[in-house]
Amino acid sequence: MDAEEDRPTGHRLPLFKRIVTPGIGNPCFAGLAQASPTIVNLAEQQSKLIARHLTGEYELPDVAEMAATIARDEAKHLGQYYSAPRHTIQLDFARYVRELHREIEAGRKRAAAVR
């Protein structure tokens, strides 16, 4: 990703799994999405990846993979909503949590391979 691609535009913030800026890794963000049931549930689920990342139990994918995942995730999550600024951070909570748990497991395997 170049610097221009990293910048938020059109009410979009390109974060891997809505948590991490590709190529930076820290800081991590939680709760920057609109989901039902509540933001607390979303942040709790995101904290599982953040905690593992901070303790070294989770390894982020490379920048190119993160960028590709961001594009896929946006298409998947935003495709069911009409195109409007208020829907740029919308997501299907249940689908997001399933994907997040799969990513946590993949990151655990990446971390184990690095050790």
Protein backbone atom coordinates (compact mmCIF):
# COMPACT_ATOMS: atom_id res chain seq x y z
CA MET A 1 0.00 0.00 0.00
CA ASP A 2 1.32 3.44 -0.77
CA ALA A 3 0.67 6.53 1.34
CA GLU A 4 -2.26 7.63 -0.82
CA GLU A 5 -4.05 4.29 -0.37
CA ASP A 6 -3.60 4.47 3.41
CA ARG A 7 -5.53 7.71 3.78
CA PRO A 8 -9.17 7.60 4.78
CA THR A 9 -11.44 8.82 1.98
CA GLY A 10 -15.17 8.99 1.51
CA HIS A 11 -15.88 8.08 5.13
CA ARG A 12 -13.78 4.93 4.78
CA LEU A 13 -10.97 3.94 7.10
CA PRO A 14 -8.90 1.09 5.63
CA LEU A 15 -8.25 -1.10 8.67
CA PHE A 16 -7.44 -4.80 8.57
CA LYS A 17 -10.34 -6.56 10.28
CA ARG A 18 -11.45 -3.03 11.28
CA ILE A 19 -8.61 -3.02 13.81
CA VAL A 20 -5.11 -2.46 12.33
CA THR A 21 -3.61 -0.10 9.76
CA PRO A 22 -1.59 -2.20 7.28
CA GLY A 23 2.13 -1.68 7.70
CA ILE A 24 1.84 -0.16 11.17
CA GLY A 25 0.49 -2.90 13.46
CA ASN A 26 0.12 -0.60 16.44
CA PRO A 27 -1.96 1.15 17.53
CA CYS A 28 -4.94 -1.12 17.33
CA PHE A 29 -8.45 0.29 17.13
CA ALA A 30 -11.62 -1.25 18.52
CA GLY A 31 -15.21 -0.30 17.92
CA LEU A 32 -14.77 1.51 14.60
CA ALA A 33 -17.69 -0.19 12.94
CA GLN A 34 -21.45 -0.14 13.10
CA ALA A 35 -22.91 -3.47 14.13
CA SER A 36 -25.83 -4.90 16.04
CA PRO A 37 -26.21 -5.84 18.85
CA THR A 38 -23.93 -3.17 20.36
CA ILE A 39 -20.52 -1.58 20.05
CA VAL A 40 -19.52 -3.26 23.32
CA ASN A 41 -20.00 -6.72 21.81
CA LEU A 42 -17.99 -5.70 18.75
CA ALA A 43 -15.12 -4.27 20.81
CA GLU A 44 -15.09 -7.36 23.01
CA GLN A 45 -14.65 -9.62 20.00
CA GLN A 46 -11.96 -7.34 18.54
CA SER A 47 -10.12 -7.32 21.86
CA LYS A 48 -9.47 -11.05 21.42
CA LEU A 49 -7.29 -10.38 18.38
CA ILE A 50 -5.71 -7.28 19.94
CA ALA A 51 -4.74 -9.10 23.15
CA ARG A 52 -3.17 -11.98 21.24
CA HIS A 53 -1.31 -9.55 18.99
CA LEU A 54 0.08 -7.61 21.94
CA THR A 55 1.24 -10.77 23.72
CA GLY A 56 2.86 -12.25 20.61
CA GLU A 57 0.35 -15.09 20.28
CA TYR A 58 -0.96 -13.61 17.01
CA GLU A 59 1.08 -12.50 14.00
CA LEU A 60 -0.40 -10.12 11.44
CA PRO A 61 -0.32 -11.11 7.78
CA ASP A 62 1.91 -9.15 5.42
CA VAL A 63 0.79 -5.74 4.15
CA ALA A 64 -0.31 -7.02 0.73
CA GLU A 65 -2.49 -9.71 2.30
CA MET A 66 -3.99 -7.19 4.71
CA ALA A 67 -4.83 -4.82 1.82
CA ALA A 68 -6.47 -7.64 -0.15
CA THR A 69 -8.45 -8.70 2.92
CA ILE A 70 -9.66 -5.14 3.52
CA ALA A 71 -10.97 -4.97 -0.07
CA ARG A 72 -12.68 -8.39 0.22
CA ASP A 73 -14.17 -7.57 3.61
CA GLU A 74 -15.55 -4.23 2.44
CA ALA A 75 -17.18 -5.84 -0.59
CA LYS A 76 -18.61 -8.62 1.54
CA HIS A 77 -19.90 -6.50 4.41
CA LEU A 78 -20.98 -3.39 2.54
CA GLY A 79 -22.52 -5.12 -0.47
CA GLN A 80 -25.86 -5.57 1.26
CA TYR A 81 -26.23 -1.84 2.06
CA TYR A 82 -26.88 1.02 -0.31
CA SER A 83 -23.92 3.27 -1.00
CA ALA A 84 -24.06 6.14 1.47
CA PRO A 85 -21.55 7.66 3.90
CA ARG A 86 -23.41 6.28 6.92
CA HIS A 87 -22.97 2.71 5.66
CA THR A 88 -19.19 2.78 5.12
CA ILE A 89 -18.56 1.19 8.53
CA GLN A 90 -21.57 -1.14 8.63
CA LEU A 91 -21.02 -4.86 9.03
CA ASP A 92 -22.88 -8.06 9.70
CA PHE A 93 -21.85 -8.84 13.28
CA ALA A 94 -22.26 -12.63 13.17
CA ARG A 95 -20.34 -12.96 9.90
CA TYR A 96 -17.63 -10.59 11.13
CA VAL A 97 -17.13 -12.55 14.36
CA ARG A 98 -16.82 -15.86 12.49
CA GLU A 99 -14.24 -14.32 10.14
CA LEU A 100 -12.41 -12.69 13.04
CA HIS A 101 -12.10 -16.01 14.88
CA ARG A 102 -10.76 -17.67 11.71
CA GLU A 103 -8.22 -14.85 11.37
CA ILE A 104 -7.15 -15.19 15.00
CA GLU A 105 -6.45 -18.88 14.40
CA ALA A 106 -4.53 -18.10 11.19
CA GLY A 107 -2.49 -15.48 13.05
CA ARG A 108 -1.77 -17.96 15.85
CA LYS A 109 -0.34 -20.34 13.25
CA ARG A 110 1.74 -17.53 11.70
CA ALA A 111 3.10 -16.64 15.15
CA ALA A 112 3.99 -20.28 15.87
CA ALA A 113 5.83 -20.53 12.54
CA VAL A 114 7.93 -17.46 13.37
CA ARG A 115 9.07 -18.83 16.73
